[in-house]
Amino acid sequence: MKKLLALCFPLVLSASLAHAQQGVTKDEILIGSIQDLSGPIAGFGKQARFGMQLAVDEINELGGINGRKLRVIFEDSGYDPKKAVLAAQKLVNQDKIFMMVGHLGTAQNLATMPVLFEKNIVNFMPITSSKEMHEPFNRLKYAFGPSYFDQMRTSAPKLVKEKGAKKVCTLYQDDEFGLEVMRGAEAGLKTIAMEFTEKTTYKRGATDFSSQVAKLQSSGCDFVVLGTIVRETIGTIATARKMGYSPTFLGSNAAYTELVHRLGGPAMNGFYATNTVQTPYLDDASQPIRFWATKYKTKFNEDPTVLSIYGYLFVDTFAKAATKAGPKLSTESFIKAMDTMTIPPDIFGGTQSTFSPTKHFGTETSRMSQILDGKWKVVSDYPNAPASSGTQK
């Protein structure tokens, strides 16, 4: 009998370990996030990290998720896909995270997805609007939407017509992110029988845009679609102003951040960008936003940005789905819960998001804002979408 028990015990232990969910213990849920903390968009990475940490702290103060505390491990990609892969391998194989949440960057997410999917780990709410975050469909992909493609497909032709633009050009980052912005605008222009007069690109991490701007100016373009992020947006517009070149500039939500007008100054006035949540100014007309922004600044001694909101909301959404999944949290129970989620409009101006077993992105709609007098102002609301609870006008 003792020999039989001795033989059976390893089998029982092996079966138990086989059914254990990585990253979930009796007392803790461990998630991971990869941010740019040292590269060209480190400002984004820091703000997203702070927003995520604020949400984690609030969740834990309220007792956690079904009795488990939530913990997040952050790794730095430097906005380099190769470094992102190394960070993902560490989080998955060494730290043994349950889920990847709020990973920043298009190329970086695409590079790390195979590492996650091999271990049945969900890539949850990456901080990028690339349609590849939910296309092609994969049960382990969840995105907040809308894609850069859809943002530009709908907003570019609308603003071009409104401005009466005659020639449209584009400057975009030479990677998956920039290409998607350009292609979305290109598709939108076709709906109004127009096409780009000129296209020009820059390499990720570039700091000098004088030759690209000169090319756009010489082409006579009065409207420029920007597939840029923060530093590149500021550099392009500032260079154009110095050259006496003042077309209408339109960017995606990758360029919608208070860092643009705070770092770029008055030269950024007039710039348009798509967005799904609003910048949380401390003097905002919305009392809930003021309260949240003050709490954030008290904790981190910095004003929050839209990236802070993304980080905060994505962790909050994760917690809601994990709570709904119940005490026996696993990848399968989380997916089952998430596929029935409807996220109502939030205080930051976000519209309603819905998920299903065949739809793993929240919404297709975005709105448009413009920098006026040094602040972002909403100038075009969501088309045919439920009213948001944000109050910025």
Protein backbone atom coordinates (compact mmCIF):
# COMPACT_ATOMS: atom_id res chain seq x y z
CA MET A 1 0.00 0.00 0.00
CA LYS A 2 2.82 2.43 0.92
CA LYS A 3 4.50 1.74 -2.43
CA LEU A 4 1.21 2.34 -4.24
CA LEU A 5 0.71 5.66 -2.43
CA ALA A 6 4.28 6.64 -3.19
CA LEU A 7 3.66 5.98 -6.86
CA CYS A 8 0.32 7.83 -6.91
CA PHE A 9 1.48 10.94 -5.04
CA PRO A 10 3.69 12.31 -7.85
CA LEU A 11 0.81 11.73 -10.30
CA VAL A 12 -1.64 13.62 -8.08
CA LEU A 13 0.87 16.45 -7.58
CA SER A 14 1.54 16.60 -11.32
CA ALA A 15 -2.19 16.77 -12.10
CA SER A 16 -2.64 19.50 -9.50
CA LEU A 17 0.18 21.58 -10.96
CA ALA A 18 -1.15 21.04 -14.47
CA HIS A 19 -4.46 22.62 -13.47
CA ALA A 20 -2.90 25.49 -11.49
CA GLN A 21 -3.35 28.86 -13.15
CA GLN A 22 -0.11 30.75 -13.73
CA GLY A 23 -0.08 34.10 -11.95
CA VAL A 24 -2.98 33.29 -9.63
CA THR A 25 -2.47 32.15 -6.05
CA LYS A 26 -4.75 31.99 -3.03
CA ASP A 27 -3.81 35.55 -2.09
CA GLU A 28 -2.62 37.29 -5.25
CA ILE A 29 -3.18 37.94 -8.97
CA LEU A 30 0.00 38.91 -10.81
CA ILE A 31 -0.17 40.89 -14.06
CA GLY A 32 2.59 42.36 -16.20
CA SER A 33 2.95 45.47 -18.31
CA ILE A 34 5.65 46.63 -20.70
CA GLN A 35 6.15 50.38 -21.08
CA ASP A 36 8.65 52.70 -22.70
CA LEU A 37 10.41 54.03 -19.61
CA SER A 38 13.67 55.12 -21.24
CA GLY A 39 13.04 55.67 -24.96
CA PRO A 40 11.44 58.27 -27.25
CA ILE A 41 7.97 58.07 -25.65
CA ALA A 42 9.07 57.51 -22.06
CA GLY A 43 6.69 60.28 -21.02
CA PHE A 44 3.81 58.11 -22.23
CA GLY A 45 5.21 55.07 -20.43
CA LYS A 46 5.59 56.81 -17.09
CA GLN A 47 2.09 58.26 -17.16
CA ALA A 48 0.54 54.93 -18.16
CA ARG A 49 2.44 53.21 -15.34
CA PHE A 50 1.23 55.76 -12.80
CA GLY A 51 -2.36 55.40 -13.98
CA MET A 52 -2.17 51.62 -13.70
CA GLN A 53 -0.62 51.79 -10.24
CA LEU A 54 -3.33 54.16 -9.02
CA ALA A 55 -6.00 51.70 -10.12
CA VAL A 56 -4.16 48.76 -8.53
CA ASP A 57 -3.87 50.64 -5.22
CA GLU A 58 -7.56 51.54 -5.22
CA ILE A 59 -8.59 47.95 -6.01
CA ASN A 60 -6.44 46.59 -3.19
CA GLU A 61 -7.69 49.20 -0.73
CA LEU A 62 -11.20 47.91 -1.40
CA GLY A 63 -10.21 44.30 -0.69
CA GLY A 64 -8.78 43.19 -4.01
CA ILE A 65 -10.44 40.86 -6.51
CA ASN A 66 -12.50 38.12 -4.89
CA GLY A 67 -10.20 38.28 -1.87
CA ARG A 68 -6.95 38.36 -3.86
CA LYS A 69 -4.61 41.36 -3.97
CA LEU A 70 -3.61 42.62 -7.41
CA ARG A 71 0.08 43.16 -8.20
CA VAL A 72 1.68 44.45 -11.39
CA ILE A 73 5.27 44.10 -12.58
CA PHE A 74 6.49 46.74 -15.05
CA GLU A 75 9.26 46.19 -17.58
CA ASP A 76 10.94 48.70 -19.90
CA SER A 77 11.01 48.23 -23.68
CA GLY A 78 12.72 51.52 -24.53
CA TYR A 79 10.16 51.51 -27.39
CA ASP A 80 12.27 48.78 -29.05
CA PRO A 81 10.43 45.63 -30.23
CA LYS A 82 13.50 43.46 -29.54
CA LYS A 83 13.73 44.67 -25.95
CA ALA A 84 9.97 44.20 -25.62
CA VAL A 85 10.36 40.52 -26.53
CA LEU A 86 13.01 40.05 -23.83
CA ALA A 87 10.76 41.81 -21.32
CA ALA A 88 7.81 39.59 -22.29
CA GLN A 89 9.91 36.44 -21.93
CA LYS A 90 10.93 37.52 -18.43
CA LEU A 91 7.37 38.32 -17.38
CA VAL A 92 5.93 35.10 -18.82
CA ASN A 93 8.62 32.57 -18.01
CA GLN A 94 10.36 33.98 -14.93
CA ASP A 95 7.75 36.11 -13.16
CA LYS A 96 4.90 33.91 -14.44
CA ILE A 97 2.28 36.60 -14.90
CA PHE A 98 -1.40 35.80 -15.34
CA MET A 99 -1.99 38.43 -18.02
CA MET A 100 -0.30 41.21 -19.99
CA VAL A 101 -2.17 44.49 -19.43
CA GLY A 102 -1.67 47.89 -21.05
CA HIS A 103 1.47 47.10 -23.07
CA LEU A 104 2.54 50.29 -24.88
CA GLY A 105 3.36 50.39 -28.60
CA THR A 106 2.18 48.80 -31.85
CA ALA A 107 5.37 47.15 -33.06
CA GLN A 108 6.20 46.14 -29.50
CA ASN A 109 2.88 44.36 -28.99
CA LEU A 110 3.10 42.57 -32.33
CA ALA A 111 6.58 41.32 -31.44
CA THR A 112 5.54 39.97 -28.03
CA MET A 113 2.19 38.35 -28.83
CA PRO A 114 3.74 34.99 -29.85
CA VAL A 115 5.52 34.82 -26.47
CA LEU A 116 2.18 35.30 -24.69
CA PHE A 117 0.01 33.10 -26.86
CA GLU A 118 2.38 30.15 -26.60
CA LYS A 119 1.59 30.09 -22.87
CA ASN A 120 -2.15 30.83 -23.26
CA ILE A 121 -1.76 34.36 -21.84
CA VAL A 122 -4.15 37.14 -22.82
CA ASN A 123 -2.84 40.40 -24.32
CA PHE A 124 -5.32 42.72 -22.61
CA MET A 125 -6.02 46.32 -23.63
CA PRO A 126 -2.66 47.25 -25.17
CA ILE A 127 -1.97 50.98 -25.31
CA THR A 128 -2.10 51.25 -29.08
CA SER A 129 -5.05 51.56 -31.42
CA SER A 130 -3.64 49.34 -34.16
CA LYS A 131 -6.34 47.15 -35.64
CA GLU A 132 -3.87 44.26 -35.38
CA MET A 133 -4.55 44.31 -31.65
CA HIS A 134 -7.85 42.58 -32.46
CA GLU A 135 -7.44 41.49 -36.11
CA PRO A 136 -7.23 38.74 -37.11
CA PHE A 137 -9.49 37.52 -34.32
CA ASN A 138 -7.77 35.63 -31.54
CA ARG A 139 -9.42 34.59 -28.29
CA LEU A 140 -6.34 35.91 -26.43
CA LYS A 141 -6.57 39.46 -27.87
CA TYR A 142 -8.66 42.23 -26.29
CA ALA A 143 -8.46 45.85 -27.43
CA PHE A 144 -10.29 49.02 -26.43
CA GLY A 145 -10.66 50.33 -30.02
CA PRO A 146 -11.21 52.16 -32.29
CA SER A 147 -8.29 51.37 -34.58
CA TYR A 148 -6.03 54.05 -36.02
CA PHE A 149 -7.35 52.99 -39.42
CA ASP A 150 -10.98 53.64 -38.46
CA GLN A 151 -10.13 56.90 -36.67
CA MET A 152 -8.48 58.36 -39.75
CA ARG A 153 -10.88 56.79 -42.24
CA THR A 154 -13.77 58.72 -40.69
CA SER A 155 -12.11 61.90 -39.38
CA ALA A 156 -9.79 62.82 -42.27
CA PRO A 157 -12.41 63.23 -45.02
CA LYS A 158 -14.75 65.04 -42.64
CA LEU A 159 -12.15 67.64 -41.66
CA VAL A 160 -10.80 67.95 -45.22
CA LYS A 161 -14.29 68.87 -46.44
CA GLU A 162 -14.86 71.22 -43.51
CA LYS A 163 -11.61 73.06 -44.22
CA GLY A 164 -12.11 73.05 -48.00
CA ALA A 165 -8.63 71.58 -48.42
CA LYS A 166 -7.34 71.19 -51.97
CA LYS A 167 -4.17 69.13 -51.47
CA VAL A 168 -3.68 66.55 -48.72
CA CYS A 169 -0.28 65.17 -47.72
CA THR A 170 0.93 62.81 -44.99
CA LEU A 171 3.99 62.40 -42.79
CA TYR A 172 4.11 59.16 -40.86
CA GLN A 173 6.37 56.93 -38.80
CA ASP A 174 7.90 54.21 -40.95
CA ASP A 175 6.44 51.25 -39.07
CA GLU A 176 3.16 49.41 -38.47
CA PHE A 177 1.70 52.31 -36.49
CA GLY A 178 2.44 54.99 -39.07
CA LEU A 179 1.36 52.83 -41.98
CA GLU A 180 -2.03 52.19 -40.40
CA VAL A 181 -2.65 55.91 -39.84
CA MET A 182 -1.70 56.66 -43.46
CA ARG A 183 -3.80 53.82 -44.89
CA GLY A 184 -6.85 54.80 -42.85
CA ALA A 185 -6.69 58.38 -44.09
CA GLU A 186 -6.06 57.14 -47.63
CA ALA A 187 -9.20 55.00 -47.49
CA GLY A 188 -11.18 57.94 -46.12
CA LEU A 189 -9.98 60.28 -48.87
CA LYS A 190 -11.21 57.85 -51.50
CA THR A 191 -14.75 58.34 -50.20
CA ILE A 192 -14.54 62.01 -51.22
CA ALA A 193 -12.71 61.30 -54.50
CA MET A 194 -9.32 62.52 -53.25
CA GLU A 195 -5.89 61.02 -52.74
CA PHE A 196 -2.62 62.06 -51.14
CA THR A 197 -0.62 64.59 -53.12
CA GLU A 198 2.56 63.67 -51.25
CA LYS A 199 3.69 61.03 -48.75
CA THR A 200 6.83 61.20 -46.63
CA THR A 201 8.12 59.18 -43.68
CA TYR A 202 10.57 59.24 -40.77
CA LYS A 203 12.33 56.51 -38.82
CA ARG A 204 11.26 55.71 -35.27
CA GLY A 205 13.21 57.94 -32.87
CA ALA A 206 13.93 60.68 -35.43
CA THR A 207 14.36 64.24 -34.14
CA ASP A 208 14.87 66.33 -37.31
CA PHE A 209 11.89 66.78 -39.65
CA SER A 210 13.07 69.75 -41.72
CA SER A 211 13.50 67.82 -44.97
CA GLN A 212 10.08 66.16 -44.66
CA VAL A 213 8.34 69.45 -43.89
CA ALA A 214 10.12 71.16 -46.80
CA LYS A 215 8.85 68.40 -49.07
CA LEU A 216 5.28 68.88 -47.87
CA GLN A 217 5.51 72.65 -48.27
CA SER A 218 6.91 72.44 -51.78
CA SER A 219 4.03 70.16 -52.74
CA GLY A 220 1.58 72.92 -51.83
CA CYS A 221 -0.36 70.79 -49.37
CA ASP A 222 -2.84 72.70 -47.22
CA PHE A 223 -3.77 69.67 -45.09
CA VAL A 224 -1.35 67.19 -43.50
CA VAL A 225 -2.22 63.87 -41.85
CA LEU A 226 0.33 63.01 -39.16
CA GLY A 227 1.17 59.42 -38.25
CA THR A 228 3.23 60.77 -35.36
CA ILE A 229 3.35 60.46 -31.58
CA VAL A 230 4.55 63.17 -29.15
CA ARG A 231 8.06 64.31 -29.99
CA GLU A 232 7.51 63.90 -33.73
CA THR A 233 4.24 65.83 -33.65
CA ILE A 234 5.87 68.73 -31.83
CA GLY A 235 8.95 68.65 -34.05
CA THR A 236 6.96 68.60 -37.28
CA ILE A 237 4.53 71.38 -36.38
CA ALA A 238 7.22 73.58 -34.78
CA THR A 239 9.41 73.19 -37.88
CA ALA A 240 6.50 74.10 -40.15
CA ARG A 241 5.73 77.23 -38.11
CA LYS A 242 9.37 78.37 -38.35
CA MET A 243 9.22 77.89 -42.12
CA GLY A 244 6.04 79.94 -42.38
CA TYR A 245 4.08 76.88 -43.39
CA SER A 246 0.63 76.59 -41.78
CA PRO A 247 -1.50 73.75 -43.17
CA THR A 248 -4.21 72.05 -41.14
CA PHE A 249 -2.56 69.25 -39.15
CA LEU A 250 -4.57 66.16 -38.11
CA GLY A 251 -3.19 63.33 -35.97
CA SER A 252 -4.53 60.15 -34.39
CA ASN A 253 -5.15 59.54 -30.71
CA ALA A 254 -1.45 58.58 -30.44
CA ALA A 255 -0.78 62.34 -30.59
CA TYR A 256 -3.67 63.30 -28.32
CA THR A 257 -1.92 64.17 -25.08
CA GLU A 258 -1.39 67.30 -23.05
CA LEU A 259 2.34 66.72 -23.50
CA VAL A 260 1.98 68.11 -27.03
CA HIS A 261 0.80 71.56 -25.99
CA ARG A 262 2.71 71.58 -22.70
CA LEU A 263 6.05 70.83 -24.37
CA GLY A 264 5.34 72.39 -27.76
CA GLY A 265 3.87 75.65 -26.50
CA PRO A 266 1.77 78.12 -28.51
CA ALA A 267 2.99 76.70 -31.84
CA MET A 268 0.72 73.70 -31.25
CA ASN A 269 -2.47 75.77 -31.25
CA GLY A 270 -4.80 74.66 -34.04
CA PHE A 271 -3.61 71.04 -34.13
CA TYR A 272 -6.40 68.45 -34.43
CA ALA A 273 -6.36 64.84 -33.16
CA THR A 274 -8.83 62.03 -32.72
CA ASN A 275 -9.52 60.78 -29.20
CA THR A 276 -11.68 58.49 -27.07
CA VAL A 277 -11.11 60.02 -23.62
CA GLN A 278 -10.41 63.61 -22.69
CA THR A 279 -7.31 65.13 -21.14
CA PRO A 280 -7.87 65.40 -17.34
CA TYR A 281 -7.15 69.03 -16.51
CA LEU A 282 -7.25 69.91 -12.82
CA ASP A 283 -9.58 72.83 -13.56
CA ASP A 284 -11.90 70.75 -15.75
CA ALA A 285 -15.59 71.63 -15.63
CA SER A 286 -16.36 68.05 -14.58
CA GLN A 287 -16.15 67.63 -10.79
CA PRO A 288 -15.46 63.86 -11.03
CA ILE A 289 -12.51 64.50 -13.35
CA ARG A 290 -11.16 67.25 -11.09
CA PHE A 291 -11.43 64.93 -8.09
CA TRP A 292 -9.64 62.09 -9.89
CA ALA A 293 -6.93 64.39 -11.29
CA THR A 294 -6.28 65.89 -7.84
CA LYS A 295 -6.00 62.43 -6.30
CA TYR A 296 -3.52 61.43 -9.02
CA LYS A 297 -1.40 64.55 -8.54
CA THR A 298 -1.39 64.11 -4.77
CA LYS A 299 -0.02 60.58 -5.17
CA PHE A 300 2.54 61.16 -7.94
CA ASN A 301 3.21 64.91 -7.72
CA GLU A 302 2.47 65.28 -11.44
CA ASP A 303 -0.55 66.30 -13.48
CA PRO A 304 -2.22 63.30 -15.14
CA THR A 305 -2.50 62.91 -18.91
CA VAL A 306 -4.67 60.87 -21.23
CA LEU A 307 -2.11 58.04 -20.94
CA SER A 308 -2.72 58.04 -17.20
CA ILE A 309 -6.40 57.50 -17.94
CA TYR A 310 -5.71 54.63 -20.33
CA GLY A 311 -3.59 52.86 -17.74
CA TYR A 312 -6.18 53.46 -15.03
CA LEU A 313 -9.17 52.34 -17.11
CA PHE A 314 -7.52 49.23 -18.50
CA VAL A 315 -6.63 47.93 -15.04
CA ASP A 316 -10.12 48.82 -13.84
CA THR A 317 -11.68 46.89 -16.74
CA PHE A 318 -9.41 43.93 -16.04
CA ALA A 319 -10.52 43.95 -12.39
CA LYS A 320 -14.20 44.06 -13.33
CA ALA A 321 -13.85 41.07 -15.66
CA ALA A 322 -11.67 39.13 -13.19
CA THR A 323 -14.24 39.76 -10.46
CA LYS A 324 -17.02 38.56 -12.72
CA ALA A 325 -14.99 35.44 -13.53
CA GLY A 326 -15.32 34.38 -9.89
CA PRO A 327 -12.98 32.88 -7.28
CA LYS A 328 -11.73 30.16 -9.65
CA LEU A 329 -9.91 32.61 -11.87
CA SER A 330 -8.29 31.18 -14.99
CA THR A 331 -7.67 32.25 -18.55
CA GLU A 332 -10.82 30.40 -19.59
CA SER A 333 -13.06 31.87 -16.89
CA PHE A 334 -11.71 35.36 -17.59
CA ILE A 335 -12.44 35.06 -21.32
CA LYS A 336 -15.93 33.76 -20.60
CA ALA A 337 -16.60 36.75 -18.33
CA MET A 338 -15.02 39.32 -20.64
CA ASP A 339 -17.06 38.09 -23.60
CA THR A 340 -20.26 39.22 -21.85
CA MET A 341 -18.97 42.62 -20.65
CA THR A 342 -20.58 45.97 -21.43
CA ILE A 343 -18.53 48.90 -20.15
CA PRO A 344 -20.71 52.01 -19.69
CA PRO A 345 -19.57 55.54 -20.61
CA ASP A 346 -16.95 56.74 -18.14
CA ILE A 347 -16.28 60.07 -16.44
CA PHE A 348 -13.45 60.80 -18.87
CA GLY A 349 -15.69 61.05 -21.94
CA GLY A 350 -15.28 57.48 -23.14
CA THR A 351 -18.25 55.99 -24.96
CA GLN A 352 -19.88 52.62 -24.20
CA SER A 353 -17.84 49.51 -25.02
CA THR A 354 -19.20 46.03 -25.61
CA PHE A 355 -17.49 42.65 -26.01
CA SER A 356 -18.68 39.26 -27.21
CA PRO A 357 -17.25 35.85 -28.15
CA THR A 358 -16.73 37.19 -31.70
CA LYS A 359 -15.91 40.85 -30.90
CA HIS A 360 -12.84 41.57 -28.80
CA PHE A 361 -12.64 45.36 -29.19
CA GLY A 362 -14.79 47.87 -27.37
CA THR A 363 -15.91 50.46 -29.93
CA GLU A 364 -15.33 51.65 -33.48
CA THR A 365 -16.11 55.32 -32.83
CA SER A 366 -13.90 58.25 -31.91
CA ARG A 367 -14.29 62.00 -31.68
CA MET A 368 -12.06 64.91 -32.58
CA SER A 369 -10.39 67.58 -30.44
CA GLN A 370 -8.30 70.63 -31.21
CA ILE A 371 -5.70 72.54 -29.22
CA LEU A 372 -7.16 75.99 -28.60
CA ASP A 373 -5.55 78.52 -26.24
CA GLY A 374 -3.15 75.86 -24.99
CA LYS A 375 -5.74 73.19 -24.13
CA TRP A 376 -7.52 70.36 -25.87
CA LYS A 377 -11.17 71.13 -26.68
CA VAL A 378 -13.69 68.66 -28.14
CA VAL A 379 -14.82 69.96 -31.54
CA SER A 380 -16.61 66.91 -32.93
CA ASP A 381 -18.39 64.29 -30.81
CA TYR A 382 -18.97 60.56 -31.38
CA PRO A 383 -21.11 59.77 -34.43
CA ASN A 384 -24.24 57.77 -33.60
CA ALA A 385 -22.86 56.70 -30.22
CA PRO A 386 -24.41 56.67 -26.74
CA ALA A 387 -23.87 59.96 -24.93
CA SER A 388 -20.73 60.00 -22.81
CA SER A 389 -20.68 61.25 -19.25
CA GLY A 390 -17.75 63.57 -19.90
CA THR A 391 -18.60 67.26 -19.83
CA GLN A 392 -15.72 68.89 -21.66
CA LYS A 393 -16.92 71.08 -24.52
